[in-house]
């Protein structure tokens, strides 16, 4: 099964997940595409907001953004992606099922 392309947007207010609805794979680095990203009208035609999770506090925002900048994946981000990316929940259930079998639970 082929899944779509998604963009993760990190901001001071939370994480946003954008689904790419119109883009060419060829030439993604071209000047035209780069200009489309900074032009709201053009960019809005290329993506749509799939999900957003706000940070509950300034401390949580700082912790998450710092973790990401250090190459870590915070728990909030993992949960957000598992809940909103196609197939992620299925992969998690598969891993949990395997772990249960190893423990003798299934």
C-alpha atoms as a PDB file:
ATOM      1  CA  UNK A   1       0.000   0.000   0.000  1.00  0.00           C
ATOM      2  CA  UNK A   2       1.352   3.403  -0.955  1.00  0.00           C
ATOM      3  CA  UNK A   3       1.052   6.193   1.576  1.00  0.00           C
ATOM      4  CA  UNK A   4       1.012   9.894   0.817  1.00  0.00           C
ATOM      5  CA  UNK A   5       3.657  12.426   1.643  1.00  0.00           C
ATOM      6  CA  UNK A   6       3.469  14.447   4.830  1.00  0.00           C
ATOM      7  CA  UNK A   7       5.274  17.449   6.260  1.00  0.00           C
ATOM      8  CA  UNK A   8       5.838  17.942   9.968  1.00  0.00           C
ATOM      9  CA  UNK A   9       5.603  21.562  11.060  1.00  0.00           C
ATOM     10  CA  UNK A  10       7.089  22.489  14.423  1.00  0.00           C
ATOM     11  CA  UNK A  11       6.157  25.791  16.008  1.00  0.00           C
ATOM     12  CA  UNK A  12       6.118  27.431  19.413  1.00  0.00           C
ATOM     13  CA  UNK A  13       2.436  26.526  19.729  1.00  0.00           C
ATOM     14  CA  UNK A  14       2.648  22.833  18.782  1.00  0.00           C
ATOM     15  CA  UNK A  15       3.135  20.268  16.036  1.00  0.00           C
ATOM     16  CA  UNK A  16       1.239  20.370  12.768  1.00  0.00           C
ATOM     17  CA  UNK A  17       0.991  17.582  10.226  1.00  0.00           C
ATOM     18  CA  UNK A  18       0.445  18.681   6.634  1.00  0.00           C
ATOM     19  CA  UNK A  19      -0.550  16.254   3.902  1.00  0.00           C
ATOM     20  CA  UNK A  20       0.900  16.962   0.470  1.00  0.00           C
ATOM     21  CA  UNK A  21      -1.958  16.922  -2.013  1.00  0.00           C
ATOM     22  CA  UNK A  22      -0.266  18.412  -5.063  1.00  0.00           C
ATOM     23  CA  UNK A  23       3.438  18.226  -5.771  1.00  0.00           C
ATOM     24  CA  UNK A  24       5.747  16.842  -8.375  1.00  0.00           C
ATOM     25  CA  UNK A  25       8.457  14.469  -7.197  1.00  0.00           C
ATOM     26  CA  UNK A  26      10.677  15.584 -10.037  1.00  0.00           C
ATOM     27  CA  UNK A  27      12.187  18.969  -9.414  1.00  0.00           C
ATOM     28  CA  UNK A  28      11.353  19.331  -5.720  1.00  0.00           C
ATOM     29  CA  UNK A  29      14.500  21.412  -5.332  1.00  0.00           C
ATOM     30  CA  UNK A  30      13.698  23.816  -8.143  1.00  0.00           C
ATOM     31  CA  UNK A  31      13.340  27.519  -7.586  1.00  0.00           C
ATOM     32  CA  UNK A  32       9.653  27.376  -8.560  1.00  0.00           C
ATOM     33  CA  UNK A  33       8.837  24.900  -5.788  1.00  0.00           C
ATOM     34  CA  UNK A  34      10.874  26.835  -3.235  1.00  0.00           C
ATOM     35  CA  UNK A  35       8.954  29.990  -4.140  1.00  0.00           C
ATOM     36  CA  UNK A  36       5.638  28.152  -3.766  1.00  0.00           C
ATOM     37  CA  UNK A  37       6.471  27.342  -0.151  1.00  0.00           C
ATOM     38  CA  UNK A  38       6.752  31.013   0.793  1.00  0.00           C
ATOM     39  CA  UNK A  39       3.669  32.046  -1.220  1.00  0.00           C
ATOM     40  CA  UNK A  40       0.670  31.204   0.984  1.00  0.00           C
ATOM     41  CA  UNK A  41      -1.856  30.880  -1.839  1.00  0.00           C
ATOM     42  CA  UNK A  42       0.342  28.499  -3.831  1.00  0.00           C
ATOM     43  CA  UNK A  43       1.388  26.571  -0.731  1.00  0.00           C
ATOM     44  CA  UNK A  44      -2.236  26.197   0.403  1.00  0.00           C
ATOM     45  CA  UNK A  45      -3.011  24.481  -2.899  1.00  0.00           C
ATOM     46  CA  UNK A  46      -0.156  22.025  -2.352  1.00  0.00           C
ATOM     47  CA  UNK A  47      -0.921  20.903   1.212  1.00  0.00           C
ATOM     48  CA  UNK A  48      -3.750  20.593   3.689  1.00  0.00           C
ATOM     49  CA  UNK A  49      -3.672  20.478   7.466  1.00  0.00           C
ATOM     50  CA  UNK A  50      -4.231  16.903   8.585  1.00  0.00           C
ATOM     51  CA  UNK A  51      -3.718  17.332  12.331  1.00  0.00           C
ATOM     52  CA  UNK A  52      -2.416  19.691  14.988  1.00  0.00           C
ATOM     53  CA  UNK A  53      -1.471  19.131  18.617  1.00  0.00           C
ATOM     54  CA  UNK A  54      -0.817  22.167  20.808  1.00  0.00           C
ATOM     55  CA  UNK A  55       1.749  22.222  23.574  1.00  0.00           C
ATOM     56  CA  UNK A  56       0.105  22.420  26.987  1.00  0.00           C
ATOM     57  CA  UNK A  57       2.615  24.946  28.329  1.00  0.00           C
ATOM     58  CA  UNK A  58       5.679  26.968  27.450  1.00  0.00           C
ATOM     59  CA  UNK A  59       7.781  24.421  29.346  1.00  0.00           C
ATOM     60  CA  UNK A  60       6.427  21.551  27.246  1.00  0.00           C
ATOM     61  CA  UNK A  61       7.093  23.540  24.072  1.00  0.00           C
ATOM     62  CA  UNK A  62      10.674  24.231  25.110  1.00  0.00           C
ATOM     63  CA  UNK A  63      11.309  20.605  26.120  1.00  0.00           C
ATOM     64  CA  UNK A  64       9.917  19.264  22.838  1.00  0.00           C
ATOM     65  CA  UNK A  65      11.695  21.693  20.549  1.00  0.00           C
ATOM     66  CA  UNK A  66      14.961  21.195  22.441  1.00  0.00           C
ATOM     67  CA  UNK A  67      14.631  17.396  22.181  1.00  0.00           C
ATOM     68  CA  UNK A  68      13.980  17.601  18.436  1.00  0.00           C
ATOM     69  CA  UNK A  69      16.972  19.900  17.959  1.00  0.00           C
ATOM     70  CA  UNK A  70      19.097  17.278  19.744  1.00  0.00           C
ATOM     71  CA  UNK A  71      17.883  14.538  17.394  1.00  0.00           C
ATOM     72  CA  UNK A  72      15.507  12.964  19.913  1.00  0.00           C
ATOM     73  CA  UNK A  73      11.840  12.183  19.325  1.00  0.00           C
ATOM     74  CA  UNK A  74       9.718  13.323  22.280  1.00  0.00           C
ATOM     75  CA  UNK A  75       6.854  11.140  23.480  1.00  0.00           C
ATOM     76  CA  UNK A  76       4.279  13.753  22.481  1.00  0.00           C
ATOM     77  CA  UNK A  77       5.581  13.707  18.914  1.00  0.00           C
ATOM     78  CA  UNK A  78       5.592   9.897  18.780  1.00  0.00           C
ATOM     79  CA  UNK A  79       1.988   9.754  20.023  1.00  0.00           C
ATOM     80  CA  UNK A  80       0.939  12.482  17.589  1.00  0.00           C
ATOM     81  CA  UNK A  81       2.497  10.718  14.604  1.00  0.00           C
ATOM     82  CA  UNK A  82       1.147   7.296  15.603  1.00  0.00           C
ATOM     83  CA  UNK A  83      -2.341   8.739  15.860  1.00  0.00           C
ATOM     84  CA  UNK A  84      -2.239  10.649  12.582  1.00  0.00           C
ATOM     85  CA  UNK A  85       0.035   8.945  10.057  1.00  0.00           C
ATOM     86  CA  UNK A  86      -1.495   6.118   8.034  1.00  0.00           C
ATOM     87  CA  UNK A  87      -0.133   2.749   9.083  1.00  0.00           C
ATOM     88  CA  UNK A  88       1.632   3.989  12.224  1.00  0.00           C
ATOM     89  CA  UNK A  89      -1.067   2.715  14.577  1.00  0.00           C
ATOM     90  CA  UNK A  90      -1.045  -0.626  12.781  1.00  0.00           C
ATOM     91  CA  UNK A  91       2.743  -0.898  13.196  1.00  0.00           C
ATOM     92  CA  UNK A  92       2.442  -0.111  16.909  1.00  0.00           C
ATOM     93  CA  UNK A  93      -0.232  -2.775  17.419  1.00  0.00           C
ATOM     94  CA  UNK A  94       1.921  -5.304  15.548  1.00  0.00           C
ATOM     95  CA  UNK A  95       4.932  -4.530  17.784  1.00  0.00           C
ATOM     96  CA  UNK A  96       2.801  -4.765  20.932  1.00  0.00           C
ATOM     97  CA  UNK A  97       1.420  -8.109  19.777  1.00  0.00           C
ATOM     98  CA  UNK A  98       4.951  -9.447  19.172  1.00  0.00           C
ATOM     99  CA  UNK A  99       6.084  -8.199  22.586  1.00  0.00           C
ATOM    100  CA  UNK A 100       3.106  -9.955  24.195  1.00  0.00           C
ATOM    101  CA  UNK A 101       4.039 -13.237  22.503  1.00  0.00           C
ATOM    102  CA  UNK A 102       7.635 -12.981  23.709  1.00  0.00           C
ATOM    103  CA  UNK A 103       6.402 -12.514  27.273  1.00  0.00           C
ATOM    104  CA  UNK A 104       4.165 -15.548  26.883  1.00  0.00           C
ATOM    105  CA  UNK A 105       1.000 -13.518  26.697  1.00  0.00           C
ATOM    106  CA  UNK A 106      -0.193 -14.594  23.273  1.00  0.00           C
END
